[in-house]
């Protein structure tokens, strides 16, 4: 097999041509993944007593719910983490209304 030199190659040198790799830009799924991570954090911290769970878990749960909705509405290929962030964030918000973070 004979390789054809490119015009930029020096005389006597042949560049290695493997082929072209089509790289696609990131699809913007970071918001959904961050929503899922924040919702999992909120689910574990909403149970902390003395109103600390109310602040940590409740705040992150509401932010996770909002970011999950934003991530699900974007034109991305993988909406799974965003939907999971919506579900877990909604569960955390429900736990807030049931008294999570306020008991001893």
C-alpha atoms as a PDB file:
ATOM      1  CA  UNK A   1       0.000   0.000   0.000  1.00  0.00           C
ATOM      2  CA  UNK A   2       1.398   3.316  -1.028  1.00  0.00           C
ATOM      3  CA  UNK A   3       0.555   6.503   0.845  1.00  0.00           C
ATOM      4  CA  UNK A   4       0.220   9.750  -1.053  1.00  0.00           C
ATOM      5  CA  UNK A   5       2.129  12.594   0.561  1.00  0.00           C
ATOM      6  CA  UNK A   6       0.233  15.680   1.552  1.00  0.00           C
ATOM      7  CA  UNK A   7       1.410  19.026   0.221  1.00  0.00           C
ATOM      8  CA  UNK A   8       2.530  20.057   3.697  1.00  0.00           C
ATOM      9  CA  UNK A   9       4.847  17.035   4.098  1.00  0.00           C
ATOM     10  CA  UNK A  10       8.545  17.522   3.704  1.00  0.00           C
ATOM     11  CA  UNK A  11      10.251  15.707   0.825  1.00  0.00           C
ATOM     12  CA  UNK A  12      10.960  12.124   1.800  1.00  0.00           C
ATOM     13  CA  UNK A  13       8.417  12.050   4.638  1.00  0.00           C
ATOM     14  CA  UNK A  14       4.977  10.528   4.413  1.00  0.00           C
ATOM     15  CA  UNK A  15       2.340  11.529   6.927  1.00  0.00           C
ATOM     16  CA  UNK A  16       0.329   8.817   8.628  1.00  0.00           C
ATOM     17  CA  UNK A  17      -3.239   9.068   7.439  1.00  0.00           C
ATOM     18  CA  UNK A  18      -5.587   7.095   9.637  1.00  0.00           C
ATOM     19  CA  UNK A  19      -8.839   8.695   8.583  1.00  0.00           C
ATOM     20  CA  UNK A  20     -11.078  11.458   9.696  1.00  0.00           C
ATOM     21  CA  UNK A  21     -12.773  11.281  13.055  1.00  0.00           C
ATOM     22  CA  UNK A  22     -16.044  13.135  13.244  1.00  0.00           C
ATOM     23  CA  UNK A  23     -16.265  14.772  16.642  1.00  0.00           C
ATOM     24  CA  UNK A  24     -19.623  16.181  17.573  1.00  0.00           C
ATOM     25  CA  UNK A  25     -19.965  19.063  19.980  1.00  0.00           C
ATOM     26  CA  UNK A  26     -21.276  18.349  23.458  1.00  0.00           C
ATOM     27  CA  UNK A  27     -25.042  18.143  23.537  1.00  0.00           C
ATOM     28  CA  UNK A  28     -25.560  20.311  26.613  1.00  0.00           C
ATOM     29  CA  UNK A  29     -26.657  17.497  28.922  1.00  0.00           C
ATOM     30  CA  UNK A  30     -24.643  18.911  31.802  1.00  0.00           C
ATOM     31  CA  UNK A  31     -27.652  20.685  33.275  1.00  0.00           C
ATOM     32  CA  UNK A  32     -29.554  17.401  33.578  1.00  0.00           C
ATOM     33  CA  UNK A  33     -26.593  15.602  35.125  1.00  0.00           C
ATOM     34  CA  UNK A  34     -26.056  18.436  37.607  1.00  0.00           C
ATOM     35  CA  UNK A  35     -29.759  18.291  38.435  1.00  0.00           C
ATOM     36  CA  UNK A  36     -29.471  14.579  39.205  1.00  0.00           C
ATOM     37  CA  UNK A  37     -26.384  15.038  41.380  1.00  0.00           C
ATOM     38  CA  UNK A  38     -27.992  17.920  43.263  1.00  0.00           C
ATOM     39  CA  UNK A  39     -31.219  15.948  43.765  1.00  0.00           C
ATOM     40  CA  UNK A  40     -29.329  12.964  45.203  1.00  0.00           C
ATOM     41  CA  UNK A  41     -27.461  15.323  47.540  1.00  0.00           C
ATOM     42  CA  UNK A  42     -30.778  16.860  48.601  1.00  0.00           C
ATOM     43  CA  UNK A  43     -32.331  13.450  49.214  1.00  0.00           C
ATOM     44  CA  UNK A  44     -29.563  12.540  51.652  1.00  0.00           C
ATOM     45  CA  UNK A  45     -29.421  15.908  53.415  1.00  0.00           C
ATOM     46  CA  UNK A  46     -33.150  16.531  53.855  1.00  0.00           C
ATOM     47  CA  UNK A  47     -33.135  14.095  56.786  1.00  0.00           C
ATOM     48  CA  UNK A  48     -30.612  16.082  58.857  1.00  0.00           C
ATOM     49  CA  UNK A  49     -32.357  17.490  61.962  1.00  0.00           C
ATOM     50  CA  UNK A  50     -32.342  20.971  63.520  1.00  0.00           C
ATOM     51  CA  UNK A  51     -33.535  22.715  60.337  1.00  0.00           C
ATOM     52  CA  UNK A  52     -30.164  22.132  58.668  1.00  0.00           C
ATOM     53  CA  UNK A  53     -31.814  19.600  56.366  1.00  0.00           C
ATOM     54  CA  UNK A  54     -34.532  22.089  55.632  1.00  0.00           C
ATOM     55  CA  UNK A  55     -31.974  24.585  54.369  1.00  0.00           C
ATOM     56  CA  UNK A  56     -29.489  22.235  52.704  1.00  0.00           C
ATOM     57  CA  UNK A  57     -31.860  19.580  51.414  1.00  0.00           C
ATOM     58  CA  UNK A  58     -34.754  21.890  50.677  1.00  0.00           C
ATOM     59  CA  UNK A  59     -32.730  24.480  48.818  1.00  0.00           C
ATOM     60  CA  UNK A  60     -30.873  21.945  46.734  1.00  0.00           C
ATOM     61  CA  UNK A  61     -34.060  19.982  46.063  1.00  0.00           C
ATOM     62  CA  UNK A  62     -35.845  23.026  44.683  1.00  0.00           C
ATOM     63  CA  UNK A  63     -32.818  24.001  42.568  1.00  0.00           C
ATOM     64  CA  UNK A  64     -32.542  20.398  41.310  1.00  0.00           C
ATOM     65  CA  UNK A  65     -36.203  20.432  40.332  1.00  0.00           C
ATOM     66  CA  UNK A  66     -35.799  23.691  38.402  1.00  0.00           C
ATOM     67  CA  UNK A  67     -32.589  22.563  36.676  1.00  0.00           C
ATOM     68  CA  UNK A  68     -34.190  19.226  35.800  1.00  0.00           C
ATOM     69  CA  UNK A  69     -37.053  21.002  34.069  1.00  0.00           C
ATOM     70  CA  UNK A  70     -34.602  23.219  32.185  1.00  0.00           C
ATOM     71  CA  UNK A  71     -32.496  20.189  31.207  1.00  0.00           C
ATOM     72  CA  UNK A  72     -35.514  18.210  30.023  1.00  0.00           C
ATOM     73  CA  UNK A  73     -36.718  21.083  27.842  1.00  0.00           C
ATOM     74  CA  UNK A  74     -33.381  21.422  26.047  1.00  0.00           C
ATOM     75  CA  UNK A  75     -32.763  19.700  22.746  1.00  0.00           C
ATOM     76  CA  UNK A  76     -30.434  16.989  24.039  1.00  0.00           C
ATOM     77  CA  UNK A  77     -30.091  13.334  23.161  1.00  0.00           C
ATOM     78  CA  UNK A  78     -30.044  11.976  26.712  1.00  0.00           C
ATOM     79  CA  UNK A  79     -32.870  13.302  28.887  1.00  0.00           C
ATOM     80  CA  UNK A  80     -32.675  10.511  31.465  1.00  0.00           C
ATOM     81  CA  UNK A  81     -30.620  12.348  34.113  1.00  0.00           C
ATOM     82  CA  UNK A  82     -32.841  15.417  33.803  1.00  0.00           C
ATOM     83  CA  UNK A  83     -36.004  13.352  34.283  1.00  0.00           C
ATOM     84  CA  UNK A  84     -34.437  11.542  37.249  1.00  0.00           C
ATOM     85  CA  UNK A  85     -33.476  14.931  38.717  1.00  0.00           C
ATOM     86  CA  UNK A  86     -37.095  16.077  38.336  1.00  0.00           C
ATOM     87  CA  UNK A  87     -38.439  12.950  40.039  1.00  0.00           C
ATOM     88  CA  UNK A  88     -35.975  12.955  42.952  1.00  0.00           C
ATOM     89  CA  UNK A  89     -36.180  16.750  43.334  1.00  0.00           C
ATOM     90  CA  UNK A  90     -39.971  16.500  43.426  1.00  0.00           C
ATOM     91  CA  UNK A  91     -39.703  13.795  46.073  1.00  0.00           C
ATOM     92  CA  UNK A  92     -37.471  16.043  48.177  1.00  0.00           C
ATOM     93  CA  UNK A  93     -39.920  18.940  47.860  1.00  0.00           C
ATOM     94  CA  UNK A  94     -42.716  16.576  48.927  1.00  0.00           C
ATOM     95  CA  UNK A  95     -40.634  15.496  51.920  1.00  0.00           C
ATOM     96  CA  UNK A  96     -40.228  19.162  52.857  1.00  0.00           C
ATOM     97  CA  UNK A  97     -43.981  19.567  53.071  1.00  0.00           C
ATOM     98  CA  UNK A  98     -44.219  16.410  55.159  1.00  0.00           C
ATOM     99  CA  UNK A  99     -41.750  17.782  57.706  1.00  0.00           C
ATOM    100  CA  UNK A 100     -38.341  16.591  56.509  1.00  0.00           C
ATOM    101  CA  UNK A 101     -35.467  18.420  58.161  1.00  0.00           C
ATOM    102  CA  UNK A 102     -37.546  19.591  61.099  1.00  0.00           C
ATOM    103  CA  UNK A 103     -37.678  16.501  63.334  1.00  0.00           C
ATOM    104  CA  UNK A 104     -35.080  15.511  65.922  1.00  0.00           C
END
